[in-house]
Amino acid sequence: MIRSIFIAALVITATGAQAQRMPNPQKLEACRQLARERGFKFGAFNKGAIKPKDFVRGCMQGTQR
């Protein structure tokens, strides 16, 4: 009985954590477009202080404007 409850709780926790990691595709594309508009180049070597990936991550979290 306890084992089945533990397994069910583990599955629910893993499913919830996985769902949170799935980015919204429209928001992701909007953040990538914003990065391009601000001069970031994807796939190129960047010497700047912030990388395009970091900019997009910040945009997805709502910290970039």
N, C-alpha and C. Protein backbone atom coordinates (compact mmCIF):
# COMPACT_ATOMS: atom_id res chain seq x y z
N MET A 1 0.82 -1.20 0.00
CA MET A 1 0.00 0.00 0.00
C MET A 1 0.87 1.26 0.00
N ILE A 2 1.81 1.33 0.91
CA ILE A 2 2.69 2.50 0.99
C ILE A 2 3.54 2.60 -0.28
N ARG A 3 3.96 1.44 -0.77
CA ARG A 3 4.79 1.44 -1.97
C ARG A 3 4.03 2.02 -3.17
N SER A 4 2.77 1.65 -3.33
CA SER A 4 2.00 2.17 -4.45
C SER A 4 1.75 3.66 -4.32
N ILE A 5 1.55 4.15 -3.11
CA ILE A 5 1.38 5.59 -2.89
C ILE A 5 2.67 6.32 -3.23
N PHE A 6 3.79 5.77 -2.82
CA PHE A 6 5.08 6.39 -3.10
C PHE A 6 5.34 6.45 -4.61
N ILE A 7 5.05 5.38 -5.32
CA ILE A 7 5.26 5.34 -6.77
C ILE A 7 4.34 6.34 -7.45
N ALA A 8 3.09 6.43 -7.03
CA ALA A 8 2.15 7.38 -7.62
C ALA A 8 2.63 8.82 -7.39
N ALA A 9 3.10 9.11 -6.18
CA ALA A 9 3.60 10.45 -5.87
C ALA A 9 4.84 10.77 -6.71
N LEU A 10 5.69 9.80 -6.91
CA LEU A 10 6.90 9.99 -7.72
C LEU A 10 6.54 10.27 -9.18
N VAL A 11 5.58 9.56 -9.71
CA VAL A 11 5.15 9.77 -11.10
C VAL A 11 4.54 11.15 -11.27
N ILE A 12 3.70 11.56 -10.33
CA ILE A 12 3.07 12.88 -10.40
C ILE A 12 4.12 13.97 -10.32
N THR A 13 5.08 13.83 -9.43
CA THR A 13 6.15 14.82 -9.28
C THR A 13 6.99 14.90 -10.55
N ALA A 14 7.35 13.77 -11.12
CA ALA A 14 8.18 13.75 -12.34
C ALA A 14 7.41 14.35 -13.51
N THR A 15 6.13 14.06 -13.62
CA THR A 15 5.32 14.59 -14.71
C THR A 15 5.18 16.10 -14.58
N GLY A 16 4.96 16.60 -13.38
CA GLY A 16 4.84 18.04 -13.16
C GLY A 16 6.13 18.76 -13.46
N ALA A 17 7.25 18.20 -13.08
CA ALA A 17 8.55 18.81 -13.34
C ALA A 17 8.83 18.84 -14.84
N GLN A 18 8.44 17.79 -15.53
CA GLN A 18 8.68 17.72 -16.97
C GLN A 18 7.82 18.75 -17.70
N ALA A 19 6.61 18.94 -17.25
CA ALA A 19 5.71 19.89 -17.91
C ALA A 19 6.22 21.32 -17.76
N GLN A 20 6.88 21.64 -16.68
CA GLN A 20 7.38 22.98 -16.46
C GLN A 20 8.57 23.29 -17.36
N ARG A 21 9.25 22.30 -17.85
CA ARG A 21 10.44 22.52 -18.67
C ARG A 21 10.10 22.72 -20.15
N MET A 22 8.87 22.50 -20.54
CA MET A 22 8.47 22.67 -21.93
C MET A 22 8.19 24.14 -22.20
N PRO A 23 9.03 24.79 -23.00
CA PRO A 23 8.81 26.22 -23.26
C PRO A 23 7.63 26.44 -24.20
N ASN A 24 7.02 27.58 -24.07
CA ASN A 24 5.95 27.98 -24.97
C ASN A 24 6.58 28.31 -26.32
N PRO A 25 6.24 27.59 -27.40
CA PRO A 25 6.91 27.81 -28.69
C PRO A 25 6.73 29.22 -29.24
N GLN A 26 5.55 29.82 -29.04
CA GLN A 26 5.34 31.18 -29.53
C GLN A 26 6.20 32.18 -28.77
N LYS A 27 6.29 32.01 -27.46
CA LYS A 27 7.10 32.92 -26.65
C LYS A 27 8.59 32.74 -26.98
N LEU A 28 9.00 31.50 -27.18
CA LEU A 28 10.39 31.23 -27.53
C LEU A 28 10.75 31.91 -28.85
N GLU A 29 9.89 31.79 -29.85
CA GLU A 29 10.16 32.41 -31.14
C GLU A 29 10.14 33.93 -31.03
N ALA A 30 9.24 34.47 -30.22
CA ALA A 30 9.20 35.93 -30.03
C ALA A 30 10.48 36.42 -29.36
N CYS A 31 11.00 35.67 -28.40
CA CYS A 31 12.25 36.06 -27.74
C CYS A 31 13.44 35.94 -28.69
N ARG A 32 13.44 34.91 -29.54
CA ARG A 32 14.51 34.79 -30.54
C ARG A 32 14.45 35.95 -31.53
N GLN A 33 13.25 36.32 -31.94
CA GLN A 33 13.10 37.44 -32.87
C GLN A 33 13.58 38.74 -32.22
N LEU A 34 13.24 38.95 -30.95
CA LEU A 34 13.68 40.14 -30.22
C LEU A 34 15.21 40.17 -30.15
N ALA A 35 15.82 39.01 -29.91
CA ALA A 35 17.29 38.94 -29.85
C ALA A 35 17.89 39.32 -31.20
N ARG A 36 17.30 38.82 -32.29
CA ARG A 36 17.79 39.17 -33.63
C ARG A 36 17.66 40.66 -33.88
N GLU A 37 16.53 41.24 -33.46
CA GLU A 37 16.32 42.67 -33.65
C GLU A 37 17.34 43.50 -32.87
N ARG A 38 17.80 42.96 -31.76
CA ARG A 38 18.78 43.69 -30.94
C ARG A 38 20.22 43.39 -31.34
N GLY A 39 20.40 42.65 -32.44
CA GLY A 39 21.74 42.46 -32.98
C GLY A 39 22.45 41.18 -32.60
N PHE A 40 21.79 40.27 -31.91
CA PHE A 40 22.42 39.00 -31.57
C PHE A 40 22.41 38.10 -32.80
N LYS A 41 23.48 37.33 -32.97
CA LYS A 41 23.60 36.41 -34.09
C LYS A 41 23.71 35.00 -33.55
N PHE A 42 22.77 34.17 -33.92
CA PHE A 42 22.76 32.78 -33.47
C PHE A 42 23.69 31.95 -34.33
N GLY A 43 24.45 31.07 -33.71
CA GLY A 43 25.37 30.20 -34.43
C GLY A 43 26.72 30.83 -34.70
N ALA A 44 26.88 32.09 -34.40
CA ALA A 44 28.16 32.78 -34.61
C ALA A 44 28.87 32.92 -33.26
N PHE A 45 30.18 33.06 -33.33
CA PHE A 45 30.95 33.26 -32.10
C PHE A 45 30.77 34.71 -31.65
N ASN A 46 30.33 34.88 -30.43
CA ASN A 46 30.08 36.22 -29.89
C ASN A 46 31.05 36.52 -28.75
N LYS A 47 31.72 37.64 -28.82
CA LYS A 47 32.63 38.04 -27.77
C LYS A 47 31.96 38.96 -26.76
N GLY A 48 30.72 39.31 -26.98
CA GLY A 48 30.02 40.26 -26.12
C GLY A 48 29.83 39.74 -24.70
N ALA A 49 29.33 40.61 -23.86
CA ALA A 49 29.13 40.26 -22.45
C ALA A 49 27.99 39.26 -22.28
N ILE A 50 27.01 39.30 -23.16
CA ILE A 50 25.87 38.39 -23.05
C ILE A 50 25.71 37.60 -24.34
N LYS A 51 25.48 36.33 -24.23
CA LYS A 51 25.31 35.46 -25.38
C LYS A 51 23.83 35.43 -25.77
N PRO A 52 23.55 35.14 -27.04
CA PRO A 52 22.15 35.09 -27.46
C PRO A 52 21.31 34.12 -26.63
N LYS A 53 21.90 32.98 -26.29
CA LYS A 53 21.19 31.98 -25.50
C LYS A 53 20.79 32.55 -24.14
N ASP A 54 21.69 33.31 -23.53
CA ASP A 54 21.40 33.92 -22.23
C ASP A 54 20.32 34.99 -22.35
N PHE A 55 20.36 35.75 -23.45
CA PHE A 55 19.34 36.76 -23.69
C PHE A 55 17.96 36.13 -23.83
N VAL A 56 17.89 35.05 -24.63
CA VAL A 56 16.61 34.37 -24.84
C VAL A 56 16.11 33.77 -23.54
N ARG A 57 17.00 33.18 -22.77
CA ARG A 57 16.60 32.61 -21.48
C ARG A 57 16.03 33.69 -20.57
N GLY A 58 16.70 34.84 -20.52
CA GLY A 58 16.21 35.95 -19.71
C GLY A 58 14.86 36.46 -20.21
N CYS A 59 14.70 36.51 -21.52
CA CYS A 59 13.43 36.94 -22.10
C CYS A 59 12.31 35.97 -21.72
N MET A 60 12.59 34.69 -21.77
CA MET A 60 11.57 33.69 -21.41
C MET A 60 11.18 33.81 -19.94
N GLN A 61 12.14 34.22 -19.10
CA GLN A 61 11.85 34.39 -17.68
C GLN A 61 11.27 35.75 -17.36
N GLY A 62 11.26 36.64 -18.36
CA GLY A 62 10.67 37.95 -18.17
C GLY A 62 11.62 39.00 -17.64
N THR A 63 12.93 38.74 -17.68
CA THR A 63 13.89 39.71 -17.14
C THR A 63 14.48 40.62 -18.22
N GLN A 64 14.31 40.29 -19.50
CA GLN A 64 14.81 41.12 -20.60
C GLN A 64 13.65 41.93 -21.17
N ARG A 65 13.92 43.16 -21.55
CA ARG A 65 12.86 44.01 -22.13
C ARG A 65 13.24 44.48 -23.48
